[in-house]
C-alpha atoms as a PDB file:
ATOM      1  CA  MET A   1     -29.454  16.579  76.186  1.00  0.00           C
ATOM      2  CA  ALA A   2     -31.070  18.430  73.238  1.00  0.00           C
ATOM      3  CA  ARG A   3     -32.702  16.305  70.579  1.00  0.00           C
ATOM      4  CA  GLU A   4     -32.390  16.959  66.813  1.00  0.00           C
ATOM      5  CA  ALA A   5     -35.664  18.191  65.415  1.00  0.00           C
ATOM      6  CA  PRO A   6     -37.488  15.760  63.046  1.00  0.00           C
ATOM      7  CA  SER A   7     -37.501  18.389  60.284  1.00  0.00           C
ATOM      8  CA  VAL A   8     -33.680  18.583  60.415  1.00  0.00           C
ATOM      9  CA  ARG A   9     -33.378  14.806  60.110  1.00  0.00           C
ATOM     10  CA  ILE A  10     -35.692  14.833  57.098  1.00  0.00           C
ATOM     11  CA  VAL A  11     -33.633  17.539  55.397  1.00  0.00           C
ATOM     12  CA  LEU A  12     -30.360  15.654  56.027  1.00  0.00           C
ATOM     13  CA  THR A  13     -31.816  12.370  54.742  1.00  0.00           C
ATOM     14  CA  ALA A  14     -33.071  14.064  51.562  1.00  0.00           C
ATOM     15  CA  ALA A  15     -29.667  15.682  51.002  1.00  0.00           C
ATOM     16  CA  ILE A  16     -27.845  12.350  51.389  1.00  0.00           C
ATOM     17  CA  ALA A  17     -30.278  10.672  49.010  1.00  0.00           C
ATOM     18  CA  ALA A  18     -29.692  13.422  46.442  1.00  0.00           C
ATOM     19  CA  VAL A  19     -25.910  12.974  46.671  1.00  0.00           C
ATOM     20  CA  VAL A  20     -26.232   9.201  46.228  1.00  0.00           C
ATOM     21  CA  LEU A  21     -28.482   9.689  43.194  1.00  0.00           C
ATOM     22  CA  VAL A  22     -25.964  12.046  41.573  1.00  0.00           C
ATOM     23  CA  LEU A  23     -23.147   9.555  42.167  1.00  0.00           C
ATOM     24  CA  VAL A  24     -25.185   6.754  40.585  1.00  0.00           C
ATOM     25  CA  LEU A  25     -26.022   8.862  37.527  1.00  0.00           C
ATOM     26  CA  VAL A  26     -22.399   9.900  37.047  1.00  0.00           C
ATOM     27  CA  LEU A  27     -20.418   6.818  38.002  1.00  0.00           C
ATOM     28  CA  VAL A  28     -22.510   3.992  36.573  1.00  0.00           C
ATOM     29  CA  PRO A  29     -22.463   5.195  32.930  1.00  0.00           C
ATOM     30  CA  SER A  30     -18.760   5.990  33.309  1.00  0.00           C
ATOM     31  CA  ALA A  31     -18.101   2.463  34.519  1.00  0.00           C
ATOM     32  CA  ARG A  32     -19.865   1.130  31.456  1.00  0.00           C
ATOM     33  CA  ALA A  33     -18.124   3.486  29.082  1.00  0.00           C
ATOM     34  CA  GLY A  34     -15.267   2.462  26.838  1.00  0.00           C
ATOM     35  CA  ASN A  35     -13.583   4.498  24.148  1.00  0.00           C
ATOM     36  CA  GLY A  36     -14.950   8.033  24.004  1.00  0.00           C
ATOM     37  CA  GLY A  37     -16.898   8.055  27.281  1.00  0.00           C
ATOM     38  CA  GLY A  38     -20.328   6.985  25.925  1.00  0.00           C
ATOM     39  CA  ARG A  39     -22.420   3.995  26.893  1.00  0.00           C
ATOM     40  CA  CYS A  40     -20.919   0.712  25.636  1.00  0.00           C
ATOM     41  CA  THR A  41     -23.001  -1.084  22.999  1.00  0.00           C
ATOM     42  CA  ARG A  42     -21.849  -4.561  21.981  1.00  0.00           C
ATOM     43  CA  ASN A  43     -22.603  -5.644  18.399  1.00  0.00           C
ATOM     44  CA  ALA A  44     -21.888  -8.753  16.363  1.00  0.00           C
ATOM     45  CA  PRO A  45     -18.511  -8.561  14.566  1.00  0.00           C
ATOM     46  CA  GLY A  46     -18.180  -8.582  10.790  1.00  0.00           C
ATOM     47  CA  ILE A  47     -15.999 -10.767   8.555  1.00  0.00           C
ATOM     48  CA  SER A  48     -15.186 -10.639   4.847  1.00  0.00           C
ATOM     49  CA  VAL A  49     -12.480 -11.553   2.349  1.00  0.00           C
ATOM     50  CA  ASP A  50     -10.757  -8.702   0.528  1.00  0.00           C
ATOM     51  CA  ASN A  51      -9.338 -10.655  -2.413  1.00  0.00           C
ATOM     52  CA  THR A  52     -12.451 -10.320  -4.531  1.00  0.00           C
ATOM     53  CA  TRP A  53     -10.939  -8.067  -7.190  1.00  0.00           C
ATOM     54  CA  GLY A  54     -10.973 -10.491 -10.122  1.00  0.00           C
ATOM     55  CA  ARG A  55     -13.458  -8.944 -12.516  1.00  0.00           C
ATOM     56  CA  GLY A  56     -15.966  -8.334  -9.731  1.00  0.00           C
ATOM     57  CA  LYS A  57     -16.183 -12.011  -8.767  1.00  0.00           C
ATOM     58  CA  THR A  58     -16.110 -13.184  -5.171  1.00  0.00           C
ATOM     59  CA  GLY A  59     -13.102 -15.341  -4.345  1.00  0.00           C
ATOM     60  CA  SER A  60      -9.809 -16.161  -6.055  1.00  0.00           C
ATOM     61  CA  TRP A  61      -8.679 -18.284  -8.979  1.00  0.00           C
ATOM     62  CA  GLY A  62      -6.292 -21.166  -8.374  1.00  0.00           C
ATOM     63  CA  LEU A  63      -4.914 -24.262 -10.086  1.00  0.00           C
ATOM     64  CA  PRO A  64      -5.454 -27.761  -8.667  1.00  0.00           C
ATOM     65  CA  GLY A  65      -3.023 -28.146  -5.764  1.00  0.00           C
ATOM     66  CA  GLN A  66      -2.122 -24.433  -5.643  1.00  0.00           C
ATOM     67  CA  GLN A  67      -1.980 -22.543  -2.345  1.00  0.00           C
ATOM     68  CA  LEU A  68      -3.754 -19.180  -2.281  1.00  0.00           C
ATOM     69  CA  LYS A  69      -3.427 -16.457   0.341  1.00  0.00           C
ATOM     70  CA  TYR A  70      -6.718 -14.909   1.517  1.00  0.00           C
ATOM     71  CA  ALA A  71      -6.866 -11.534   3.272  1.00  0.00           C
ATOM     72  CA  ILE A  72      -9.581 -11.841   5.936  1.00  0.00           C
ATOM     73  CA  ARG A  73     -10.931  -8.572   7.311  1.00  0.00           C
ATOM     74  CA  VAL A  74     -12.513  -8.570  10.772  1.00  0.00           C
ATOM     75  CA  THR A  75     -14.537  -5.547  11.915  1.00  0.00           C
ATOM     76  CA  ASN A  76     -15.440  -4.689  15.500  1.00  0.00           C
ATOM     77  CA  TYR A  77     -18.852  -2.998  15.351  1.00  0.00           C
ATOM     78  CA  ASP A  78     -18.960  -2.239  19.087  1.00  0.00           C
ATOM     79  CA  VAL A  79     -19.587   1.378  20.077  1.00  0.00           C
ATOM     80  CA  TYR A  80     -17.877   3.065  23.041  1.00  0.00           C
ATOM     81  CA  CYS A  81     -16.530  -0.239  24.372  1.00  0.00           C
ATOM     82  CA  SER A  82     -13.102  -1.392  25.404  1.00  0.00           C
ATOM     83  CA  SER A  83     -11.095  -3.554  22.994  1.00  0.00           C
ATOM     84  CA  SER A  84     -12.238  -7.115  22.299  1.00  0.00           C
ATOM     85  CA  SER A  85     -10.523 -10.204  20.911  1.00  0.00           C
ATOM     86  CA  PHE A  86     -12.111 -12.121  18.040  1.00  0.00           C
ATOM     87  CA  VAL A  87     -11.455 -15.678  16.878  1.00  0.00           C
ATOM     88  CA  VAL A  88     -11.580 -16.610  13.168  1.00  0.00           C
ATOM     89  CA  SER A  89     -11.997 -19.999  11.512  1.00  0.00           C
ATOM     90  CA  VAL A  90     -12.195 -21.070   7.861  1.00  0.00           C
ATOM     91  CA  SER A  91     -13.560 -24.340   6.504  1.00  0.00           C
ATOM     92  CA  ALA A  92     -13.186 -25.582   2.922  1.00  0.00           C
ATOM     93  CA  SER A  93     -14.376 -28.374   0.671  1.00  0.00           C
ATOM     94  CA  SER A  94     -13.269 -31.966   1.145  1.00  0.00           C
ATOM     95  CA  GLY A  95      -9.675 -32.490   0.020  1.00  0.00           C
ATOM     96  CA  PHE A  96      -8.754 -28.833   0.523  1.00  0.00           C
ATOM     97  CA  SER A  97      -6.413 -27.767   3.332  1.00  0.00           C
ATOM     98  CA  VAL A  98      -6.591 -24.546   5.364  1.00  0.00           C
ATOM     99  CA  SER A  99      -3.913 -22.900   7.507  1.00  0.00           C
ATOM    100  CA  ILE A 100      -4.412 -19.771   9.644  1.00  0.00           C
ATOM    101  CA  PRO A 101      -1.092 -18.978  11.387  1.00  0.00           C
ATOM    102  CA  THR A 102      -2.790 -16.449  13.686  1.00  0.00           C
ATOM    103  CA  ASN A 103      -6.527 -16.892  14.215  1.00  0.00           C
ATOM    104  CA  THR A 104      -7.158 -14.186  16.849  1.00  0.00           C
ATOM    105  CA  VAL A 105      -7.191 -10.414  16.468  1.00  0.00           C
ATOM    106  CA  THR A 106      -7.794  -7.726  19.115  1.00  0.00           C
ATOM    107  CA  LEU A 107      -9.619  -4.612  17.941  1.00  0.00           C
ATOM    108  CA  LYS A 108     -10.879  -1.351  19.387  1.00  0.00           C
ATOM    109  CA  SER A 109     -14.492  -0.374  18.837  1.00  0.00           C
ATOM    110  CA  THR A 110     -15.405   0.566  15.234  1.00  0.00           C
ATOM    111  CA  THR A 111     -12.054  -0.586  13.823  1.00  0.00           C
ATOM    112  CA  SER A 112     -10.967  -3.368  11.449  1.00  0.00           C
ATOM    113  CA  GLY A 113      -7.975  -5.674  11.276  1.00  0.00           C
ATOM    114  CA  TYR A 114      -6.616  -8.427   9.042  1.00  0.00           C
ATOM    115  CA  LEU A 115      -5.700 -12.081   9.373  1.00  0.00           C
ATOM    116  CA  TRP A 116      -4.263 -14.335   6.669  1.00  0.00           C
ATOM    117  CA  ALA A 117      -5.601 -17.728   5.647  1.00  0.00           C
ATOM    118  CA  TYR A 118      -3.746 -20.074   3.299  1.00  0.00           C
ATOM    119  CA  VAL A 119      -5.966 -22.422   1.317  1.00  0.00           C
ATOM    120  CA  THR A 120      -4.640 -25.239  -0.885  1.00  0.00           C
ATOM    121  CA  SER A 121      -6.995 -26.936  -3.303  1.00  0.00           C
ATOM    122  CA  ALA A 122      -7.041 -30.692  -3.751  1.00  0.00           C
ATOM    123  CA  ALA A 123      -4.372 -31.970  -6.156  1.00  0.00           C
ATOM    124  CA  VAL A 124      -7.156 -33.475  -8.252  1.00  0.00           C
ATOM    125  CA  SER A 125      -9.952 -30.893  -8.476  1.00  0.00           C
ATOM    126  CA  ALA A 126     -12.507 -30.405 -11.221  1.00  0.00           C
ATOM    127  CA  ASP A 127     -12.881 -26.868 -12.510  1.00  0.00           C
ATOM    128  CA  GLY A 128     -15.494 -24.977 -10.521  1.00  0.00           C
ATOM    129  CA  ASP A 129     -16.230 -22.763  -7.534  1.00  0.00           C
ATOM    130  CA  TYR A 130     -15.537 -24.288  -4.119  1.00  0.00           C
ATOM    131  CA  PRO A 131     -17.040 -22.418  -1.134  1.00  0.00           C
ATOM    132  CA  LEU A 132     -15.005 -21.248   1.840  1.00  0.00           C
ATOM    133  CA  THR A 133     -16.999 -20.691   5.030  1.00  0.00           C
ATOM    134  CA  LEU A 134     -15.578 -18.002   7.310  1.00  0.00           C
ATOM    135  CA  THR A 135     -16.683 -17.469  10.896  1.00  0.00           C
ATOM    136  CA  VAL A 136     -15.729 -14.929  13.537  1.00  0.00           C
ATOM    137  CA  GLU A 137     -16.859 -14.670  17.140  1.00  0.00           C
ATOM    138  CA  ARG A 138     -15.922 -12.719  20.211  1.00  0.00           C
ATOM    139  CA  ALA A 139     -13.499 -14.704  22.354  1.00  0.00           C
ATOM    140  CA  GLY A 140     -15.515 -16.630  24.954  1.00  0.00           C
ATOM    141  CA  ALA A 141     -18.817 -16.132  23.117  1.00  0.00           C
ATOM    142  CA  SER A 142     -20.842 -18.650  21.134  1.00  0.00           C
ATOM    143  CA  SER A 143     -22.651 -16.583  18.490  1.00  0.00           C
ATOM    144  CA  PRO A 144     -20.436 -16.458  15.373  1.00  0.00           C
ATOM    145  CA  THR A 145     -20.880 -14.258  12.319  1.00  0.00           C
ATOM    146  CA  VAL A 146     -20.639 -16.275   9.086  1.00  0.00           C
ATOM    147  CA  SER A 147     -19.528 -15.219   5.597  1.00  0.00           C
ATOM    148  CA  THR A 148     -18.744 -17.082   2.356  1.00  0.00           C
ATOM    149  CA  SER A 149     -16.011 -16.728  -0.251  1.00  0.00           C
ATOM    150  CA  TYR A 150     -14.745 -19.102  -2.946  1.00  0.00           C
ATOM    151  CA  TYR A 151     -11.708 -20.918  -4.248  1.00  0.00           C
ATOM    152  CA  ARG A 152     -12.243 -20.937  -8.034  1.00  0.00           C
ATOM    153  CA  VAL A 153     -10.363 -23.853  -9.589  1.00  0.00           C
ATOM    154  CA  TYR A 154      -9.355 -23.653 -13.258  1.00  0.00           C
ATOM    155  CA  SER A 155      -7.048 -25.890 -15.293  1.00  0.00           C
ATOM    156  CA  SER A 156      -6.835 -24.170 -18.678  1.00  0.00           C
ATOM    157  CA  ASP A 157      -6.222 -20.591 -19.795  1.00  0.00           C
ATOM    158  CA  ALA A 158      -5.360 -19.333 -23.270  1.00  0.00           C
ATOM    159  CA  VAL A 159      -5.359 -15.592 -22.497  1.00  0.00           C
ATOM    160  CA  ALA A 160      -2.048 -13.811 -21.847  1.00  0.00           C
ATOM    161  CA  PRO A 161      -1.863 -10.963 -19.317  1.00  0.00           C
ATOM    162  CA  ALA A 162      -2.272  -7.415 -20.643  1.00  0.00           C
ATOM    163  CA  LEU A 163       0.297  -4.662 -19.935  1.00  0.00           C
ATOM    164  CA  PHE A 164      -0.410  -0.917 -19.747  1.00  0.00           C
ATOM    165  CA  TRP A 165       0.508   2.403 -18.070  1.00  0.00           C
ATOM    166  CA  SER A 166       4.236   1.915 -18.470  1.00  0.00           C
ATOM    167  CA  ASN A 167       6.840   4.210 -16.987  1.00  0.00           C
ATOM    168  CA  PRO A 168       8.579   5.502 -19.088  1.00  0.00           C
ATOM    169  CA  GLY A 169       6.037   6.003 -21.806  1.00  0.00           C
ATOM    170  CA  ALA A 170       6.908   5.184 -25.408  1.00  0.00           C
ATOM    171  CA  GLY A 171       9.426   7.718 -26.769  1.00  0.00           C
ATOM    172  CA  GLU A 172       9.889   9.480 -23.417  1.00  0.00           C
ATOM    173  CA  VAL A 173      13.148  11.282 -22.625  1.00  0.00           C
ATOM    174  CA  ILE A 174      14.392  10.762 -19.080  1.00  0.00           C
ATOM    175  CA  SER A 175      17.365  12.133 -17.165  1.00  0.00           C
ATOM    176  CA  GLY A 176      19.092  12.049 -13.800  1.00  0.00           C
ATOM    177  CA  GLY A 177      21.093   9.444 -11.961  1.00  0.00           C
ATOM    178  CA  SER A 178      18.169   7.102 -11.260  1.00  0.00           C
ATOM    179  CA  TYR A 179      14.686   6.312 -12.523  1.00  0.00           C
ATOM    180  CA  THR A 180      11.742   4.147 -11.441  1.00  0.00           C
ATOM    181  CA  PHE A 181      10.556   1.854 -14.206  1.00  0.00           C
ATOM    182  CA  ALA A 182       7.003   0.630 -13.711  1.00  0.00           C
ATOM    183  CA  VAL A 183       4.094  -1.027 -15.467  1.00  0.00           C
ATOM    184  CA  TRP A 184       0.607  -2.352 -14.685  1.00  0.00           C
ATOM    185  CA  SER A 185      -0.658  -5.749 -15.768  1.00  0.00           C
ATOM    186  CA  ASN A 186      -3.908  -7.678 -15.420  1.00  0.00           C
ATOM    187  CA  ASP A 187      -5.162 -11.094 -16.419  1.00  0.00           C
ATOM    188  CA  ASP A 188      -8.495 -12.886 -16.749  1.00  0.00           C
ATOM    189  CA  HIS A 189      -7.357 -15.076 -13.843  1.00  0.00           C
ATOM    190  CA  GLU A 190      -4.227 -13.936 -11.987  1.00  0.00           C
ATOM    191  CA  VAL A 191      -0.852 -12.380 -12.771  1.00  0.00           C
ATOM    192  CA  ARG A 192       2.085 -14.344 -11.344  1.00  0.00           C
ATOM    193  CA  LYS A 193       5.106 -12.116 -12.052  1.00  0.00           C
ATOM    194  CA  ILE A 194       6.434  -9.308 -14.279  1.00  0.00           C
ATOM    195  CA  ASP A 195      10.004  -9.347 -15.591  1.00  0.00           C
ATOM    196  CA  LEU A 196      11.860  -6.257 -16.806  1.00  0.00           C
ATOM    197  CA  TYR A 197      14.491  -6.321 -19.548  1.00  0.00           C
ATOM    198  CA  ILE A 198      16.595  -3.271 -20.469  1.00  0.00           C
ATOM    199  CA  ASP A 199      17.959  -3.509 -24.006  1.00  0.00           C
ATOM    200  CA  ASN A 200      16.964  -7.214 -23.998  1.00  0.00           C
ATOM    201  CA  VAL A 201      19.026  -7.932 -20.882  1.00  0.00           C
ATOM    202  CA  TYR A 202      17.153  -9.334 -17.883  1.00  0.00           C
ATOM    203  CA  THR A 203      17.134  -6.731 -15.089  1.00  0.00           C
ATOM    204  CA  ALA A 204      14.558  -7.444 -12.360  1.00  0.00           C
ATOM    205  CA  THR A 205      11.338  -9.254 -11.404  1.00  0.00           C
ATOM    206  CA  THR A 206       8.204  -8.273  -9.486  1.00  0.00           C
ATOM    207  CA  LEU A 207       6.383 -11.194  -7.864  1.00  0.00           C
ATOM    208  CA  CYS A 208       2.642 -10.575  -7.697  1.00  0.00           C
ATOM    209  CA  GLU A 209       0.235 -11.481  -4.919  1.00  0.00           C
ATOM    210  CA  ASP A 210      -1.653 -14.581  -6.008  1.00  0.00           C
ATOM    211  CA  ILE A 211      -4.981 -13.143  -4.925  1.00  0.00           C
ATOM    212  CA  SER A 212      -5.531 -10.469  -7.576  1.00  0.00           C
ATOM    213  CA  TYR A 213      -5.801 -10.215 -11.327  1.00  0.00           C
ATOM    214  CA  ASN A 214      -4.091  -6.783 -11.112  1.00  0.00           C
ATOM    215  CA  CYS A 215      -0.361  -6.320 -10.466  1.00  0.00           C
ATOM    216  CA  GLN A 216       2.124  -3.438 -10.649  1.00  0.00           C
ATOM    217  CA  GLY A 217       5.757  -3.978 -11.578  1.00  0.00           C
ATOM    218  CA  TYR A 218       7.982  -1.456  -9.791  1.00  0.00           C
ATOM    219  CA  TYR A 219      11.752  -1.182 -10.439  1.00  0.00           C
ATOM    220  CA  PRO A 220      13.944   1.693  -9.103  1.00  0.00           C
ATOM    221  CA  LEU A 221      17.147   1.588 -11.165  1.00  0.00           C
ATOM    222  CA  SER A 222      20.292   3.610 -11.800  1.00  0.00           C
ATOM    223  CA  LEU A 223      20.683   5.289 -15.201  1.00  0.00           C
ATOM    224  CA  ARG A 224      24.186   4.568 -16.476  1.00  0.00           C
ATOM    225  CA  VAL A 225      24.338   5.135 -20.243  1.00  0.00           C
ATOM    226  CA  SER A 226      22.807   8.012 -22.220  1.00  0.00           C
ATOM    227  CA  GLY A 227      21.219   7.475 -25.618  1.00  0.00           C
ATOM    228  CA  GLN A 228      18.351   5.387 -26.979  1.00  0.00           C
ATOM    229  CA  HIS A 229      17.198   2.252 -25.151  1.00  0.00           C
ATOM    230  CA  THR A 230      14.262  -0.137 -24.804  1.00  0.00           C
ATOM    231  CA  ALA A 231      12.425  -1.377 -21.731  1.00  0.00           C
ATOM    232  CA  THR A 232      10.635  -4.695 -22.231  1.00  0.00           C
ATOM    233  CA  PHE A 233       8.073  -5.864 -19.679  1.00  0.00           C
ATOM    234  CA  GLU A 234       7.013  -9.518 -19.700  1.00  0.00           C
ATOM    235  CA  SER A 235       3.977 -10.497 -17.619  1.00  0.00           C
ATOM    236  CA  TYR A 236       3.272 -14.152 -16.766  1.00  0.00           C
ATOM    237  CA  ASP A 237       0.088 -15.792 -15.534  1.00  0.00           C
ATOM    238  CA  TRP A 238       0.024 -19.035 -13.511  1.00  0.00           C
ATOM    239  CA  ILE A 239      -0.529 -21.211 -16.589  1.00  0.00           C
ATOM    240  CA  GLY A 240       2.547 -19.749 -18.319  1.00  0.00           C
ATOM    241  CA  ASN A 241       0.992 -17.362 -20.839  1.00  0.00           C
ATOM    242  CA  VAL A 242       3.197 -14.308 -21.426  1.00  0.00           C
ATOM    243  CA  GLY A 243       2.191 -10.763 -22.313  1.00  0.00           C
ATOM    244  CA  VAL A 244       4.933  -8.482 -23.680  1.00  0.00           C
ATOM    245  CA  LEU A 245       5.231  -4.693 -23.872  1.00  0.00           C
ATOM    246  CA  THR A 246       8.355  -3.026 -25.337  1.00  0.00           C
ATOM    247  CA  VAL A 247       8.857   0.707 -24.796  1.00  0.00           C
ATOM    248  CA  PRO A 248      11.583   2.778 -26.503  1.00  0.00           C
ATOM    249  CA  PHE A 249      13.008   5.634 -24.423  1.00  0.00           C
ATOM    250  CA  THR A 250      15.974   7.990 -24.400  1.00  0.00           C
ATOM    251  CA  VAL A 251      18.347   8.859 -21.573  1.00  0.00           C
ATOM    252  CA  SER A 252      19.620  12.445 -21.918  1.00  0.00           C
END
C-alpha cells in the first residue's frame, strides 16, 4: 500500500489550519456583534429628568402635599449590542412618597426611552429644595448610574401667569368654517390650566402638565357667527393667581 508523502501531510495540515483561522476571525466577531454588525461595547447607562424647564432650574415646583409627574429619561450607551433592559428607582426625602408604575425599560443600543415617576411631597413641608435620587442599572447588574433632581416646595406666590402669542392676534380677521384658537402662557412656578371665553362665554379649558412653567392652550372650534368678537384667555397657576388676555377679532 502506498504511503502519503510527509510533504503532502504538511500541506494539508497547513491548509486546514488556515481555514480554521479564517472561520475564527469571521465568526467570533459576528457572534459578538449586535446592531449594525460591529463589535459589542457595553457602557454604563445614563439617567436624567426632563422636567427642568422652569427658568433653567433643575427640578419642579410643587405645593406641600401636591403630586408631581417626573419624566425620567434612560439612555442606553451601548454600541453594536443587542437590546438591554434597565431598572430605575427613585428615592425622596422623608415624608415624601414615590410611585413608578413601570420601572423597567428595554432599549436598543444608542437609544433613549422614558419612564414616569410620581412624587408627592409631605403634607407639612417647609419651603425649600428636596433632592430626588435617581438610579438606573442594567437588569441583573449591580453597578447603577446615579443622578439627582429636586422637588421644590413653595407655599406662597403673588405673581400671575403671563399670556402671549395668541391666535388670533388682536384685530385679526378670520374666515372659514373652523379655526384653532391658541395662546402661550408661563409662570414663575407652574401654569395649571388655561380657560378660553368667546364673547365672555366659557368655551373650553386646556389642562397643563404640572412639570413645566410653560403651557400652550389649544382650542379647535367651529366659527358660527360673522362680525366682531372677543377671545379671552385666563391662565391659572397652582396658587390661584389668574392672568388675563383679551383679544378682539372679526369673523368675515
